[in-house]
C-alpha atoms as a PDB file:
ATOM      1  CA  MET A   1      10.252 -13.085   3.689  1.00  0.00           C
ATOM      2  CA  ARG A   2      11.698 -12.527   0.249  1.00  0.00           C
ATOM      3  CA  GLU A   3       9.296  -9.936  -1.163  1.00  0.00           C
ATOM      4  CA  ILE A   4       5.812  -8.570  -0.592  1.00  0.00           C
ATOM      5  CA  ASN A   5       3.497  -6.375  -2.684  1.00  0.00           C
ATOM      6  CA  PRO A   6       0.508  -5.127  -0.681  1.00  0.00           C
ATOM      7  CA  TYR A   7      -2.108  -2.894  -2.280  1.00  0.00           C
ATOM      8  CA  LEU A   8      -4.258  -0.636  -0.088  1.00  0.00           C
ATOM      9  CA  THR A   9      -7.731   0.182  -1.350  1.00  0.00           C
ATOM     10  CA  ASN A  10      -9.451   2.357   1.256  1.00  0.00           C
ATOM     11  CA  GLY A  11      -9.476   3.616   4.853  1.00  0.00           C
ATOM     12  CA  ASN A  12      -7.050   5.895   6.718  1.00  0.00           C
ATOM     13  CA  CYS A  13      -4.294   5.336   4.213  1.00  0.00           C
ATOM     14  CA  ARG A  14      -1.515   7.548   5.594  1.00  0.00           C
ATOM     15  CA  GLU A  15      -1.738   6.166   9.153  1.00  0.00           C
ATOM     16  CA  ALA A  16      -2.193   2.570   8.028  1.00  0.00           C
ATOM     17  CA  MET A  17       0.694   2.653   5.554  1.00  0.00           C
ATOM     18  CA  LYS A  18       3.096   4.154   8.099  1.00  0.00           C
ATOM     19  CA  PHE A  19       2.071   1.498  10.630  1.00  0.00           C
ATOM     20  CA  HIS A  20       2.595  -1.358   8.173  1.00  0.00           C
ATOM     21  CA  GLN A  21       5.842   0.159   6.889  1.00  0.00           C
ATOM     22  CA  LYS A  22       7.199  -0.061  10.416  1.00  0.00           C
ATOM     23  CA  CYS A  23       5.877  -3.609  10.946  1.00  0.00           C
ATOM     24  CA  LEU A  24       7.246  -4.926   7.656  1.00  0.00           C
ATOM     25  CA  GLY A  25      10.457  -2.891   7.474  1.00  0.00           C
ATOM     26  CA  ALA A  26       9.484  -1.925   3.933  1.00  0.00           C
ATOM     27  CA  GLU A  27      10.061   1.109   1.711  1.00  0.00           C
ATOM     28  CA  LEU A  28       7.003   3.407   1.633  1.00  0.00           C
ATOM     29  CA  GLN A  29       5.963   5.611  -1.278  1.00  0.00           C
ATOM     30  CA  MET A  30       2.845   7.787  -1.029  1.00  0.00           C
ATOM     31  CA  MET A  31       1.331  10.226  -3.522  1.00  0.00           C
ATOM     32  CA  PRO A  32      -1.330  12.655  -2.264  1.00  0.00           C
ATOM     33  CA  PHE A  33      -4.067  13.889  -4.587  1.00  0.00           C
ATOM     34  CA  SER A  34      -2.295  17.281  -4.621  1.00  0.00           C
ATOM     35  CA  GLU A  35       0.579  15.685  -6.607  1.00  0.00           C
ATOM     36  CA  ALA A  36      -1.693  13.898  -9.087  1.00  0.00           C
ATOM     37  CA  PRO A  37      -1.507  14.911 -12.750  1.00  0.00           C
ATOM     38  CA  MET A  38      -5.252  15.643 -12.860  1.00  0.00           C
ATOM     39  CA  ASP A  39      -7.330  18.193 -10.959  1.00  0.00           C
ATOM     40  CA  SER A  40      -8.956  17.007  -7.747  1.00  0.00           C
ATOM     41  CA  PRO A  41     -11.374  18.638  -5.292  1.00  0.00           C
ATOM     42  CA  PRO A  42      -9.630  20.924  -2.742  1.00  0.00           C
ATOM     43  CA  ASP A  43     -10.819  18.811   0.207  1.00  0.00           C
ATOM     44  CA  THR A  44      -8.868  15.808  -1.120  1.00  0.00           C
ATOM     45  CA  LYS A  45      -5.456  17.493  -1.546  1.00  0.00           C
ATOM     46  CA  ASP A  46      -3.969  15.907   1.614  1.00  0.00           C
ATOM     47  CA  ARG A  47      -5.566  12.504   1.098  1.00  0.00           C
ATOM     48  CA  ILE A  48      -3.455   9.705  -0.345  1.00  0.00           C
ATOM     49  CA  MET A  49      -4.245   8.765  -3.938  1.00  0.00           C
ATOM     50  CA  HIS A  50      -1.661   6.015  -4.273  1.00  0.00           C
ATOM     51  CA  ALA A  51       0.524   4.252  -1.729  1.00  0.00           C
ATOM     52  CA  ARG A  52       3.009   1.463  -2.158  1.00  0.00           C
ATOM     53  CA  LEU A  53       5.053  -0.655   0.225  1.00  0.00           C
ATOM     54  CA  ALA A  54       7.982  -2.502  -1.306  1.00  0.00           C
ATOM     55  CA  LYS A  55      10.296  -5.068   0.181  1.00  0.00           C
ATOM     56  CA  GLY A  56      12.553  -7.032  -2.103  1.00  0.00           C
ATOM     57  CA  GLY A  57      11.977  -7.213  -5.865  1.00  0.00           C
ATOM     58  CA  GLY A  58       8.406  -7.143  -7.168  1.00  0.00           C
ATOM     59  CA  PHE A  59       6.557  -9.149  -9.855  1.00  0.00           C
ATOM     60  CA  TRP A  60       2.996 -10.633  -9.707  1.00  0.00           C
ATOM     61  CA  GLY A  61       3.449 -13.755  -7.605  1.00  0.00           C
ATOM     62  CA  ALA A  62       2.309 -17.316  -7.249  1.00  0.00           C
ATOM     63  CA  ARG A  63       0.312 -16.618  -4.080  1.00  0.00           C
ATOM     64  CA  PHE A  64      -2.513 -14.165  -3.447  1.00  0.00           C
ATOM     65  CA  GLY A  65      -4.487 -13.221  -0.337  1.00  0.00           C
ATOM     66  CA  MET A  66      -6.776 -10.522   1.091  1.00  0.00           C
ATOM     67  CA  LEU A  67      -7.439  -9.257   4.632  1.00  0.00           C
ATOM     68  CA  THR A  68      -8.874  -6.338   6.604  1.00  0.00           C
ATOM     69  CA  ASP A  69      -6.566  -4.779   9.232  1.00  0.00           C
ATOM     70  CA  GLN A  70      -7.377  -3.116  12.570  1.00  0.00           C
ATOM     71  CA  PHE A  71      -7.929   0.216  10.774  1.00  0.00           C
ATOM     72  CA  GLY A  72     -10.717  -1.325   8.675  1.00  0.00           C
ATOM     73  CA  VAL A  73      -8.449  -1.144   5.617  1.00  0.00           C
ATOM     74  CA  SER A  74      -8.773  -3.846   2.964  1.00  0.00           C
ATOM     75  CA  TRP A  75      -5.460  -5.264   1.672  1.00  0.00           C
ATOM     76  CA  MET A  76      -4.600  -7.484  -1.277  1.00  0.00           C
ATOM     77  CA  PHE A  77      -1.240  -9.304  -1.260  1.00  0.00           C
ATOM     78  CA  ASN A  78       0.638 -11.221  -3.902  1.00  0.00           C
ATOM     79  CA  PHE A  79       4.067 -12.784  -3.600  1.00  0.00           C
ATOM     80  CA  GLU A  80       6.389 -15.282  -5.187  1.00  0.00           C
ATOM     81  CA  GLN A  81       6.469 -18.852  -4.074  1.00  0.00           C
ATOM     82  CA  PRO A  82       9.768 -19.632  -2.249  1.00  0.00           C
ATOM     83  CA  LYS A  83      12.326 -21.395  -4.459  1.00  0.00           C
END
């Protein structure tokens, strides 16, 4: 696999992203609502606002797909076509 750019839209983000980080051997970046530049309700401070898995370089790719994992989390993927 040359590169992958998944985008997580809902569900138990922290647990799901750590699981998929391990499966894919990718770099994980997560930003909780508490680190967001705007104010958020106190009950959301530990929830993940944005998460990103990166492996390889990343530009919008030639292929696109969507799935729902065992956590009930919807994923969108895009990746380059092999050269």
